[in-house]
Amino acid sequence: MDPFSAEGELINIHNAFHQGQYPAVIEFDTSALSPENQLPAGILQLRAQIALGQSDAVLADVAGGADDTPDLAAVKALAQHTTGDIESAYTLAQDLAENYPDNSTVQVLAGTVLQAQGHSEEALALLTKHQGNLEAVALIVQIHLHQNRSDLALKEVQAAKRWAQDSLLVNLAESWVGLRVGGEKYQAAFYVYEELASAPSTAAPLSIVGQAVAELHLGRLPEAEAALSAALEKYPDEAELIANTIVLNVLAGKPTEELEQRLQQTHPSHALLSDIQEKSDLFDTAALKYAPRVSS
């Protein structure tokens, strides 16, 4: 295979992964890739399995190589986290961050685990060691947005645009920031997602989710509902589709119980479920203060 063609195939796998086309990523024939591209492609396929809820299978697959290959160890940490083995995942992520801070897979996957467990500063300390790792850039942007630091997220995007102007991840990251900043940026973000969702090569769940979220911010609930409903029929177990449909139903005053149960069954560690449980616990705590007290 032409090396330039092989490199293009790896880019295709990357783009498919970041668009949420996980089955397509798993089905990619990677046999013709160069030796240096075999491992990155295989890592993406393992990550796609994790995204589809197949973490136990991934843990079995990497068991023989995780001790010798930091990339596979990073996959192991992410799989442990998604199966609920939080302590083991955190310990492994910390160890990898300390011993392999320059490994791009470690940066992204250990950084993901650290951030998911609330250790944002540890995650950022690792991610900022990157040298042109666009996934690290994207995760840094997400962390800053989670911290309500849109200014830092925008600064990160602007810096990345100077050396990766046409990258899918940079365009997506800019849209994330736009959805947080608001105003005319909502419409700009919508156009990015609309273009991605309408293209056969990138029409995947996460493109549709982005388009629907932009529609919600623009006050176009019926359009958002139509997009999410059609996508859910095609991808009934896609976590972000389910989660964002739950949010839409809350805004529209519609029931969410069935969707919450589906998300619990397919992706029990999803952040939305944790948030719902946290809010429920806070409500119960507050309600106790006003509960009637009956003396005997």
Protein backbone atom coordinates (compact mmCIF):
# COMPACT_ATOMS: atom_id res chain seq x y z
CA MET A 1 0.00 0.00 0.00
CA ASP A 2 1.13 3.54 -0.78
CA PRO A 3 2.41 5.04 2.54
CA PHE A 4 0.42 8.19 1.91
CA SER A 5 -2.69 6.08 1.36
CA ALA A 6 -1.97 4.18 4.58
CA GLU A 7 -1.60 7.43 6.47
CA GLY A 8 -4.92 8.54 5.00
CA GLU A 9 -6.54 5.35 6.27
CA LEU A 10 -5.32 6.09 9.79
CA ILE A 11 -6.77 9.59 9.54
CA ASN A 12 -10.05 8.05 8.38
CA ILE A 13 -10.10 5.79 11.44
CA HIS A 14 -9.39 8.79 13.68
CA ASN A 15 -12.18 10.82 12.10
CA ALA A 16 -14.63 7.94 12.29
CA PHE A 17 -13.82 7.47 15.98
CA HIS A 18 -14.32 11.14 16.83
CA GLN A 19 -17.61 11.16 14.96
CA GLY A 20 -18.87 8.23 17.03
CA GLN A 21 -18.79 5.69 14.19
CA TYR A 22 -17.56 3.03 16.56
CA PRO A 23 -18.72 -0.10 14.68
CA ALA A 24 -17.01 1.23 11.55
CA VAL A 25 -13.79 1.79 13.52
CA ILE A 26 -13.82 -1.78 14.80
CA GLU A 27 -14.45 -3.14 11.30
CA PHE A 28 -11.56 -1.25 9.66
CA ASP A 29 -9.03 -3.59 8.02
CA THR A 30 -5.74 -2.44 9.56
CA SER A 31 -3.58 -5.24 8.14
CA ALA A 32 -2.13 -3.05 5.39
CA LEU A 33 -1.08 -0.24 7.71
CA SER A 34 2.58 0.38 8.35
CA PRO A 35 4.05 -1.08 11.57
CA GLU A 36 4.16 2.35 13.24
CA ASN A 37 0.46 2.88 12.48
CA GLN A 38 -0.70 -0.58 13.57
CA LEU A 39 -0.66 0.22 17.28
CA PRO A 40 -2.48 3.60 17.06
CA ALA A 41 -5.17 2.01 14.89
CA GLY A 42 -5.52 -0.92 17.27
CA ILE A 43 -5.81 1.45 20.23
CA LEU A 44 -8.64 3.30 18.49
CA GLN A 45 -10.43 0.02 17.88
CA LEU A 46 -10.12 -0.92 21.55
CA ARG A 47 -11.42 2.51 22.55
CA ALA A 48 -14.34 2.04 20.18
CA GLN A 49 -15.16 -1.21 21.95
CA ILE A 50 -15.09 0.59 25.29
CA ALA A 51 -17.41 3.26 23.90
CA LEU A 52 -19.83 0.51 22.87
CA GLY A 53 -19.87 -0.92 26.40
CA GLN A 54 -17.49 -3.81 25.72
CA SER A 55 -14.97 -2.93 28.42
CA ASP A 56 -14.79 -6.44 29.88
CA ALA A 57 -13.78 -7.81 26.48
CA VAL A 58 -11.16 -5.09 26.14
CA LEU A 59 -9.69 -5.90 29.56
CA ALA A 60 -9.34 -9.51 28.45
CA ASP A 61 -7.72 -8.46 25.16
CA VAL A 62 -5.08 -6.22 26.75
CA ALA A 63 -4.28 -8.46 29.70
CA GLY A 64 -1.22 -9.94 28.02
CA GLY A 65 0.32 -6.69 26.82
CA ALA A 66 -0.59 -4.01 29.34
CA ASP A 67 2.49 -4.66 31.48
CA ASP A 68 4.89 -4.10 28.58
CA THR A 69 3.11 -1.48 26.44
CA PRO A 70 2.07 1.84 28.04
CA ASP A 71 -0.53 2.44 25.30
CA LEU A 72 -2.30 -0.80 26.19
CA ALA A 73 -1.94 -0.03 29.90
CA ALA A 74 -3.69 3.30 29.27
CA VAL A 75 -6.51 1.44 27.52
CA LYS A 76 -6.69 -0.86 30.54
CA ALA A 77 -7.06 2.12 32.89
CA LEU A 78 -9.91 3.53 30.82
CA ALA A 79 -11.63 0.15 30.64
CA GLN A 80 -11.26 -0.31 34.41
CA HIS A 81 -12.84 3.08 34.97
CA THR A 82 -15.82 2.33 32.75
CA THR A 83 -16.45 -0.99 34.50
CA GLY A 84 -16.53 0.76 37.88
CA ASP A 85 -13.10 -0.32 39.11
CA ILE A 86 -12.40 3.28 40.03
CA GLU A 87 -9.52 2.79 42.46
CA SER A 88 -7.51 0.52 40.16
CA ALA A 89 -8.09 2.85 37.23
CA TYR A 90 -6.90 5.88 39.19
CA THR A 91 -3.80 4.12 40.52
CA LEU A 92 -2.84 2.94 37.04
CA ALA A 93 -3.53 6.35 35.48
CA GLN A 94 -1.32 8.06 38.06
CA ASP A 95 1.47 5.54 37.50
CA LEU A 96 1.32 6.03 33.73
CA ALA A 97 1.25 9.81 34.05
CA GLU A 98 4.37 9.68 36.19
CA ASN A 99 6.34 7.21 34.09
CA TYR A 100 5.17 7.86 30.51
CA PRO A 101 4.08 11.53 30.42
CA ASP A 102 5.24 12.00 26.81
CA ASN A 103 3.22 9.08 25.41
CA SER A 104 0.28 10.50 23.44
CA THR A 105 -2.07 7.61 24.28
CA VAL A 106 -1.22 7.91 27.97
CA GLN A 107 -1.82 11.66 27.84
CA VAL A 108 -5.34 11.25 26.44
CA LEU A 109 -6.56 8.09 28.17
CA ALA A 110 -4.94 8.57 31.59
CA GLY A 111 -5.96 12.23 31.33
CA THR A 112 -9.53 11.14 30.63
CA VAL A 113 -9.56 8.86 33.68
CA LEU A 114 -8.07 11.55 35.94
CA GLN A 115 -10.59 14.15 34.77
CA ALA A 116 -13.52 11.74 35.03
CA GLN A 117 -12.59 11.10 38.66
CA GLY A 118 -12.42 14.80 39.49
CA HIS A 119 -8.65 15.30 39.34
CA SER A 120 -8.67 18.12 36.81
CA GLU A 121 -5.34 19.64 37.75
CA GLU A 122 -3.58 16.29 37.51
CA ALA A 123 -5.18 15.74 34.11
CA LEU A 124 -4.13 19.17 32.86
CA ALA A 125 -0.59 18.72 34.16
CA LEU A 126 -0.32 15.58 32.04
CA LEU A 127 -2.13 16.88 28.96
CA THR A 128 -0.13 20.08 28.68
CA LYS A 129 3.00 17.99 28.07
CA HIS A 130 1.71 17.16 24.59
CA GLN A 131 3.65 18.01 21.45
CA GLY A 132 1.04 18.45 18.74
CA ASN A 133 -1.44 15.90 20.12
CA LEU A 134 -4.83 17.15 18.91
CA GLU A 135 -6.74 14.77 21.16
CA ALA A 136 -4.91 16.26 24.13
CA VAL A 137 -5.88 19.73 22.91
CA ALA A 138 -9.52 18.68 22.63
CA LEU A 139 -9.52 17.23 26.14
CA ILE A 140 -7.87 20.36 27.55
CA VAL A 141 -10.65 22.41 25.95
CA GLN A 142 -13.29 20.15 27.49
CA ILE A 143 -11.71 20.42 30.93
CA HIS A 144 -11.56 24.21 30.76
CA LEU A 145 -15.21 24.32 29.71
CA HIS A 146 -16.06 22.01 32.61
CA GLN A 147 -14.28 24.51 34.87
CA ASN A 148 -16.34 27.35 33.36
CA ARG A 149 -13.15 28.87 31.95
CA SER A 150 -14.35 29.60 28.44
CA ASP A 151 -11.52 32.12 28.09
CA LEU A 152 -8.86 29.44 28.56
CA ALA A 153 -10.73 27.03 26.28
CA LEU A 154 -10.89 29.66 23.55
CA LYS A 155 -7.19 30.44 23.98
CA GLU A 156 -6.38 26.74 23.55
CA VAL A 157 -8.46 26.51 20.37
CA GLN A 158 -6.92 29.65 18.89
CA ALA A 159 -3.43 28.32 19.54
CA ALA A 160 -4.27 24.98 17.90
CA LYS A 161 -5.75 26.68 14.83
CA ARG A 162 -2.34 28.14 14.07
CA TRP A 163 -0.93 24.68 13.35
CA ALA A 164 -4.00 22.52 12.66
CA GLN A 165 -6.48 24.83 10.95
CA ASP A 166 -8.37 22.18 8.99
CA SER A 167 -8.46 19.46 11.65
CA LEU A 168 -11.82 17.92 12.46
CA LEU A 169 -10.98 17.95 16.17
CA VAL A 170 -10.05 21.63 16.14
CA ASN A 171 -13.29 22.50 14.35
CA LEU A 172 -15.26 20.48 16.86
CA ALA A 173 -13.42 22.06 19.80
CA GLU A 174 -14.17 25.51 18.42
CA SER A 175 -17.84 24.54 18.21
CA TRP A 176 -17.81 23.37 21.85
CA VAL A 177 -16.49 26.74 22.89
CA GLY A 178 -19.05 28.48 20.68
CA LEU A 179 -21.90 26.62 22.36
CA ARG A 180 -20.62 27.81 25.73
CA VAL A 181 -19.96 31.42 24.69
CA GLY A 182 -23.37 31.74 23.03
CA GLY A 183 -24.84 34.56 20.99
CA GLU A 184 -23.95 34.38 17.33
CA LYS A 185 -21.59 31.50 18.13
CA TYR A 186 -24.61 29.19 18.49
CA GLN A 187 -25.39 29.56 14.82
CA ALA A 188 -21.75 29.12 13.82
CA ALA A 189 -21.58 25.88 15.82
CA PHE A 190 -24.83 24.70 14.24
CA TYR A 191 -23.41 25.15 10.74
CA VAL A 192 -20.34 23.03 11.62
CA TYR A 193 -22.46 20.17 12.96
CA GLU A 194 -25.03 20.47 10.19
CA GLU A 195 -22.30 20.06 7.58
CA LEU A 196 -20.85 17.04 9.39
CA ALA A 197 -24.23 15.42 9.95
CA SER A 198 -25.24 15.83 6.30
CA ALA A 199 -22.04 14.33 4.88
CA PRO A 200 -22.31 10.55 4.29
CA SER A 201 -18.74 10.02 5.49
CA THR A 202 -19.28 11.76 8.82
CA ALA A 203 -23.02 11.37 9.45
CA ALA A 204 -22.66 9.73 12.83
CA PRO A 205 -24.33 9.98 16.26
CA LEU A 206 -22.02 12.61 17.71
CA SER A 207 -22.51 14.91 14.71
CA ILE A 208 -26.26 14.65 15.18
CA VAL A 209 -25.93 15.26 18.92
CA GLY A 210 -23.92 18.41 18.25
CA GLN A 211 -26.45 19.63 15.72
CA ALA A 212 -29.32 18.97 18.14
CA VAL A 213 -27.56 20.74 21.04
CA ALA A 214 -27.03 23.77 18.82
CA GLU A 215 -30.73 23.65 17.89
CA LEU A 216 -31.64 23.60 21.59
CA HIS A 217 -29.54 26.68 22.27
CA LEU A 218 -31.21 28.40 19.34
CA GLY A 219 -34.63 27.61 20.82
CA ARG A 220 -35.58 25.18 18.07
CA LEU A 221 -36.85 22.28 20.19
CA PRO A 222 -38.94 20.56 17.47
CA GLU A 223 -35.94 20.44 15.11
CA ALA A 224 -33.70 19.09 17.87
CA GLU A 225 -36.28 16.47 18.80
CA ALA A 226 -36.65 15.35 15.19
CA ALA A 227 -32.88 14.94 14.79
CA LEU A 228 -32.41 13.04 18.04
CA SER A 229 -35.46 10.80 17.54
CA ALA A 230 -34.35 9.75 14.06
CA ALA A 231 -30.82 9.07 15.31
CA LEU A 232 -32.05 7.05 18.31
CA GLU A 233 -33.99 4.74 16.00
CA LYS A 234 -30.73 3.99 14.18
CA TYR A 235 -28.45 3.99 17.25
CA PRO A 236 -30.69 2.99 20.19
CA ASP A 237 -27.81 2.38 22.62
CA GLU A 238 -25.64 5.41 21.82
CA ALA A 239 -24.93 7.07 25.18
CA GLU A 240 -24.79 10.69 24.08
CA LEU A 241 -27.94 10.39 22.01
CA ILE A 242 -29.81 8.98 25.00
CA ALA A 243 -28.36 11.56 27.41
CA ASN A 244 -29.18 14.54 25.23
CA THR A 245 -32.67 13.23 24.54
CA ILE A 246 -33.18 13.10 28.31
CA VAL A 247 -32.15 16.76 28.52
CA LEU A 248 -34.46 17.66 25.64
CA ASN A 249 -37.39 15.86 27.27
CA VAL A 250 -36.79 17.78 30.51
CA LEU A 251 -36.89 21.05 28.58
CA ALA A 252 -40.02 19.95 26.73
CA GLY A 253 -41.76 18.71 29.91
CA LYS A 254 -41.81 15.10 28.74
CA PRO A 255 -41.08 11.97 30.84
CA THR A 256 -37.49 10.77 31.09
CA GLU A 257 -37.74 7.61 33.19
CA GLU A 258 -37.58 5.12 30.30
CA LEU A 259 -34.56 6.83 28.77
CA GLU A 260 -32.80 7.04 32.13
CA GLN A 261 -33.32 3.31 32.59
CA ARG A 262 -31.91 2.64 29.12
CA LEU A 263 -28.85 4.76 29.88
CA GLN A 264 -28.41 2.97 33.21
CA GLN A 265 -28.52 -0.40 31.49
CA THR A 266 -26.17 0.44 28.64
CA HIS A 267 -23.80 3.01 30.19
CA PRO A 268 -24.12 2.88 34.00
CA SER A 269 -21.10 5.14 34.56
CA HIS A 270 -22.37 7.96 32.34
CA ALA A 271 -21.81 11.44 33.78
CA LEU A 272 -25.46 12.43 33.37
CA LEU A 273 -26.60 9.60 35.63
CA SER A 274 -24.09 10.68 38.27
CA ASP A 275 -25.33 14.25 37.98
CA ILE A 276 -28.97 13.19 38.28
CA GLN A 277 -28.17 11.11 41.38
CA GLU A 278 -26.21 13.98 42.92
CA LYS A 279 -29.09 16.41 42.34
CA SER A 280 -31.56 13.88 43.75
CA ASP A 281 -29.45 13.43 46.89
CA LEU A 282 -29.18 17.20 47.34
CA PHE A 283 -32.95 17.53 47.00
CA ASP A 284 -33.56 14.79 49.57
CA THR A 285 -31.14 16.48 51.98
CA ALA A 286 -32.85 19.83 51.54
CA ALA A 287 -36.30 18.28 51.88
CA LEU A 288 -35.39 16.77 55.24
CA LYS A 289 -35.00 20.27 56.65
CA TYR A 290 -38.66 20.94 55.94
CA ALA A 291 -40.09 17.53 56.76
CA PRO A 292 -42.87 17.73 59.37
CA ARG A 293 -41.71 16.67 62.79
CA VAL A 294 -44.21 14.80 64.89
CA SER A 295 -43.47 14.42 68.56
CA SER A 296 -44.73 11.30 70.29
